Amino acid sequence: MKIILLKDHEQLGSAGEVVEVTPGYARNYLIPKHQALVATPANVAQFESRRKQHEAVAERELRAAQTLARQLENDSLTAQVRVGEEERLFGSVTAQNIIELLAEKGYEVDRRTVHLEEPIRSLGVYNIELRLHPGVTASIKLWVVKE
């Protein structure tokens, strides 16, 4: 099924491209989430007339992500956790905990942008990767200390 991408997509391409995907993926995921349109002649003509608007929006989103990435690179987070014997954590520091720490500092970031290989289960300093935009990643220092 041919679709027109309305938003940049890591695996499929950038906004405005006409790509071929499986019908189920288009019907069940991309179209309901307003990430794509079916590539009919009418939709293609309509999209071409709105292309400049989409490009301006995409450029604004990219600049906002780059600005946020620069701010995050110059900042750090501190997670105070309870520890037991041998400095082992009770529980772990997860992506949700990192989002809450970012919110306390005034950053609004989606939980899905935080990429942890596995939850943090020991004290120390960690570099956390945040994928803010398909082309923009930021790294923020996380200090995990005991209460």
C-alpha atoms as a PDB file:
ATOM      1  CA  MET A   1       0.000   0.000   0.000  1.00  0.00           C
ATOM      2  CA  LYS A   2       1.388   3.402  -0.939  1.00  0.00           C
ATOM      3  CA  ILE A   3       1.193   6.113   1.701  1.00  0.00           C
ATOM      4  CA  ILE A   4       2.359   9.696   2.158  1.00  0.00           C
ATOM      5  CA  LEU A   5       4.311  10.226   5.377  1.00  0.00           C
ATOM      6  CA  LEU A   6       3.095  13.214   7.388  1.00  0.00           C
ATOM      7  CA  LYS A   7       5.888  12.982   9.978  1.00  0.00           C
ATOM      8  CA  ASP A   8       9.483  11.826   9.861  1.00  0.00           C
ATOM      9  CA  HIS A   9       9.822   8.129  10.619  1.00  0.00           C
ATOM     10  CA  GLU A  10      13.163   6.473  11.408  1.00  0.00           C
ATOM     11  CA  GLN A  11      12.623   3.313   9.374  1.00  0.00           C
ATOM     12  CA  LEU A  12      10.397   4.611   6.571  1.00  0.00           C
ATOM     13  CA  GLY A  13      11.657   8.071   5.634  1.00  0.00           C
ATOM     14  CA  SER A  14      10.986  11.762   6.053  1.00  0.00           C
ATOM     15  CA  ALA A  15       7.740  13.706   5.887  1.00  0.00           C
ATOM     16  CA  GLY A  16       6.351  14.149   2.400  1.00  0.00           C
ATOM     17  CA  GLU A  17       7.786  10.979   0.917  1.00  0.00           C
ATOM     18  CA  VAL A  18       5.542   8.427  -0.766  1.00  0.00           C
ATOM     19  CA  VAL A  19       6.529   4.986   0.506  1.00  0.00           C
ATOM     20  CA  GLU A  20       5.249   1.429   0.206  1.00  0.00           C
ATOM     21  CA  VAL A  21       4.228  -0.348   3.436  1.00  0.00           C
ATOM     22  CA  THR A  22       2.092  -3.336   4.295  1.00  0.00           C
ATOM     23  CA  PRO A  23      -1.645  -2.558   4.361  1.00  0.00           C
ATOM     24  CA  GLY A  24      -2.047  -3.647   7.977  1.00  0.00           C
ATOM     25  CA  TYR A  25       0.737  -1.386   9.226  1.00  0.00           C
ATOM     26  CA  ALA A  26      -0.751   1.571   7.373  1.00  0.00           C
ATOM     27  CA  ARG A  27      -4.375   0.917   8.421  1.00  0.00           C
ATOM     28  CA  ASN A  28      -3.737  -0.083  12.021  1.00  0.00           C
ATOM     29  CA  TYR A  29      -0.842   2.156  13.037  1.00  0.00           C
ATOM     30  CA  LEU A  30       0.297   4.943  10.709  1.00  0.00           C
ATOM     31  CA  ILE A  31      -3.066   6.340   9.570  1.00  0.00           C
ATOM     32  CA  PRO A  32      -4.831   6.274  13.008  1.00  0.00           C
ATOM     33  CA  LYS A  33      -1.831   8.016  14.597  1.00  0.00           C
ATOM     34  CA  HIS A  34      -1.930  10.724  11.888  1.00  0.00           C
ATOM     35  CA  GLN A  35       1.534   9.842  10.670  1.00  0.00           C
ATOM     36  CA  ALA A  36       0.468   9.000   7.108  1.00  0.00           C
ATOM     37  CA  LEU A  37      -2.204   9.351   4.428  1.00  0.00           C
ATOM     38  CA  VAL A  38      -3.199   6.902   1.716  1.00  0.00           C
ATOM     39  CA  ALA A  39      -1.455   8.014  -1.492  1.00  0.00           C
ATOM     40  CA  THR A  40      -4.479   8.667  -3.711  1.00  0.00           C
ATOM     41  CA  PRO A  41      -4.133  11.274  -6.499  1.00  0.00           C
ATOM     42  CA  ALA A  42      -6.338  13.706  -4.530  1.00  0.00           C
ATOM     43  CA  ASN A  43      -4.281  13.274  -1.329  1.00  0.00           C
ATOM     44  CA  VAL A  44      -1.013  13.705  -3.231  1.00  0.00           C
ATOM     45  CA  ALA A  45      -2.234  16.967  -4.796  1.00  0.00           C
ATOM     46  CA  GLN A  46      -3.531  18.221  -1.452  1.00  0.00           C
ATOM     47  CA  PHE A  47      -0.326  17.292   0.304  1.00  0.00           C
ATOM     48  CA  GLU A  48       1.816  19.081  -2.277  1.00  0.00           C
ATOM     49  CA  SER A  49      -0.093  22.282  -1.540  1.00  0.00           C
ATOM     50  CA  ARG A  50       0.550  21.858   2.194  1.00  0.00           C
ATOM     51  CA  ARG A  51       4.191  20.761   1.847  1.00  0.00           C
ATOM     52  CA  LYS A  52       5.613  24.167   2.771  1.00  0.00           C
ATOM     53  CA  GLN A  53       3.632  24.207   5.999  1.00  0.00           C
ATOM     54  CA  HIS A  54       4.907  20.736   6.892  1.00  0.00           C
ATOM     55  CA  GLU A  55       8.481  21.715   6.122  1.00  0.00           C
ATOM     56  CA  ALA A  56       8.206  24.793   8.348  1.00  0.00           C
ATOM     57  CA  VAL A  57       6.736  22.741  11.199  1.00  0.00           C
ATOM     58  CA  ALA A  58       9.428  20.081  10.816  1.00  0.00           C
ATOM     59  CA  GLU A  59      12.138  22.748  10.850  1.00  0.00           C
ATOM     60  CA  ARG A  60      10.687  24.291  14.027  1.00  0.00           C
ATOM     61  CA  GLU A  61      10.522  20.877  15.729  1.00  0.00           C
ATOM     62  CA  LEU A  62      14.129  20.168  14.746  1.00  0.00           C
ATOM     63  CA  ARG A  63      15.359  23.522  16.082  1.00  0.00           C
ATOM     64  CA  ALA A  64      13.407  23.024  19.331  1.00  0.00           C
ATOM     65  CA  ALA A  65      14.928  19.550  19.751  1.00  0.00           C
ATOM     66  CA  GLN A  66      18.436  20.909  19.088  1.00  0.00           C
ATOM     67  CA  THR A  67      17.936  23.693  21.640  1.00  0.00           C
ATOM     68  CA  LEU A  68      16.650  21.235  24.221  1.00  0.00           C
ATOM     69  CA  ALA A  69      19.598  18.922  23.510  1.00  0.00           C
ATOM     70  CA  ARG A  70      22.087  21.757  24.150  1.00  0.00           C
ATOM     71  CA  GLN A  71      20.343  22.599  27.429  1.00  0.00           C
ATOM     72  CA  LEU A  72      20.324  18.966  28.543  1.00  0.00           C
ATOM     73  CA  GLU A  73      24.010  18.493  27.668  1.00  0.00           C
ATOM     74  CA  ASN A  74      24.896  21.267  30.148  1.00  0.00           C
ATOM     75  CA  ASP A  75      22.732  19.900  32.958  1.00  0.00           C
ATOM     76  CA  SER A  76      22.831  16.858  35.225  1.00  0.00           C
ATOM     77  CA  LEU A  77      20.364  14.902  37.345  1.00  0.00           C
ATOM     78  CA  THR A  78      20.698  13.443  40.816  1.00  0.00           C
ATOM     79  CA  ALA A  79      18.652  10.435  41.881  1.00  0.00           C
ATOM     80  CA  GLN A  80      18.655   9.804  45.617  1.00  0.00           C
ATOM     81  CA  VAL A  81      17.815   6.171  46.307  1.00  0.00           C
ATOM     82  CA  ARG A  82      17.649   3.875  49.307  1.00  0.00           C
ATOM     83  CA  VAL A  83      20.432   1.334  49.475  1.00  0.00           C
ATOM     84  CA  GLY A  84      20.974  -1.813  51.484  1.00  0.00           C
ATOM     85  CA  GLU A  85      23.984  -3.945  52.218  1.00  0.00           C
ATOM     86  CA  GLU A  86      26.957  -3.675  49.887  1.00  0.00           C
ATOM     87  CA  GLU A  87      25.576  -0.415  48.425  1.00  0.00           C
ATOM     88  CA  ARG A  88      22.864  -2.300  46.465  1.00  0.00           C
ATOM     89  CA  LEU A  89      19.703  -0.395  45.528  1.00  0.00           C
ATOM     90  CA  PHE A  90      16.238  -1.288  46.731  1.00  0.00           C
ATOM     91  CA  GLY A  91      14.552  -1.483  43.329  1.00  0.00           C
ATOM     92  CA  SER A  92      16.089   0.378  40.399  1.00  0.00           C
ATOM     93  CA  VAL A  93      16.207   3.696  38.562  1.00  0.00           C
ATOM     94  CA  THR A  94      13.995   3.401  35.470  1.00  0.00           C
ATOM     95  CA  ALA A  95      13.129   5.604  32.496  1.00  0.00           C
ATOM     96  CA  GLN A  96      10.043   6.830  34.369  1.00  0.00           C
ATOM     97  CA  ASN A  97      12.208   7.968  37.306  1.00  0.00           C
ATOM     98  CA  ILE A  98      14.465   9.845  34.893  1.00  0.00           C
ATOM     99  CA  ILE A  99      11.442  11.567  33.308  1.00  0.00           C
ATOM    100  CA  GLU A 100      10.250  12.631  36.773  1.00  0.00           C
ATOM    101  CA  LEU A 101      13.706  14.069  37.566  1.00  0.00           C
ATOM    102  CA  LEU A 102      13.675  15.951  34.263  1.00  0.00           C
ATOM    103  CA  ALA A 103      10.180  17.296  35.030  1.00  0.00           C
ATOM    104  CA  GLU A 104      11.419  18.605  38.395  1.00  0.00           C
ATOM    105  CA  LYS A 105      14.056  20.581  36.479  1.00  0.00           C
ATOM    106  CA  GLY A 106      11.425  21.944  34.093  1.00  0.00           C
ATOM    107  CA  TYR A 107      12.071  19.746  31.033  1.00  0.00           C
ATOM    108  CA  GLU A 108       9.071  18.145  29.351  1.00  0.00           C
ATOM    109  CA  VAL A 109      10.303  14.991  27.665  1.00  0.00           C
ATOM    110  CA  ASP A 110       8.372  11.909  26.595  1.00  0.00           C
ATOM    111  CA  ARG A 111       9.188   8.633  28.364  1.00  0.00           C
ATOM    112  CA  ARG A 112       9.939   6.913  25.059  1.00  0.00           C
ATOM    113  CA  THR A 113      12.874   9.253  24.391  1.00  0.00           C
ATOM    114  CA  VAL A 114      14.900   7.791  27.286  1.00  0.00           C
ATOM    115  CA  HIS A 115      16.977   4.820  26.157  1.00  0.00           C
ATOM    116  CA  LEU A 116      18.315   2.574  28.899  1.00  0.00           C
ATOM    117  CA  GLU A 117      19.756  -0.819  28.085  1.00  0.00           C
ATOM    118  CA  GLU A 118      18.462  -2.013  31.449  1.00  0.00           C
ATOM    119  CA  PRO A 119      17.296  -0.305  34.657  1.00  0.00           C
ATOM    120  CA  ILE A 120      20.092   1.109  36.833  1.00  0.00           C
ATOM    121  CA  ARG A 121      20.679  -1.026  39.922  1.00  0.00           C
ATOM    122  CA  SER A 122      23.875   0.389  41.454  1.00  0.00           C
ATOM    123  CA  LEU A 123      25.295   3.695  42.658  1.00  0.00           C
ATOM    124  CA  GLY A 124      27.451   5.749  40.329  1.00  0.00           C
ATOM    125  CA  VAL A 125      27.459   8.212  37.442  1.00  0.00           C
ATOM    126  CA  TYR A 126      25.685   7.279  34.210  1.00  0.00           C
ATOM    127  CA  ASN A 127      25.323   8.931  30.819  1.00  0.00           C
ATOM    128  CA  ILE A 128      21.693   8.642  29.766  1.00  0.00           C
ATOM    129  CA  GLU A 129      20.844   8.910  26.057  1.00  0.00           C
ATOM    130  CA  LEU A 130      17.723  10.842  25.077  1.00  0.00           C
ATOM    131  CA  ARG A 131      16.501  10.623  21.469  1.00  0.00           C
ATOM    132  CA  LEU A 132      14.601  13.880  21.128  1.00  0.00           C
ATOM    133  CA  HIS A 133      14.084  13.863  17.345  1.00  0.00           C
ATOM    134  CA  PRO A 134      15.021  11.404  14.587  1.00  0.00           C
ATOM    135  CA  GLY A 135      18.259  13.324  13.997  1.00  0.00           C
ATOM    136  CA  VAL A 136      18.888  14.728  17.491  1.00  0.00           C
ATOM    137  CA  THR A 137      20.177  12.853  20.526  1.00  0.00           C
ATOM    138  CA  ALA A 138      21.282  14.280  23.851  1.00  0.00           C
ATOM    139  CA  SER A 139      23.282  12.798  26.668  1.00  0.00           C
ATOM    140  CA  ILE A 140      22.656  13.822  30.264  1.00  0.00           C
ATOM    141  CA  LYS A 141      24.620  12.822  33.344  1.00  0.00           C
ATOM    142  CA  LEU A 142      22.714  10.973  36.044  1.00  0.00           C
ATOM    143  CA  TRP A 143      24.235  10.748  39.504  1.00  0.00           C
ATOM    144  CA  VAL A 144      22.762   7.860  41.500  1.00  0.00           C
ATOM    145  CA  VAL A 145      23.531   8.527  45.190  1.00  0.00           C
ATOM    146  CA  LYS A 146      22.254   7.093  48.464  1.00  0.00           C
ATOM    147  CA  GLU A 147      19.759   8.972  50.622  1.00  0.00           C
END
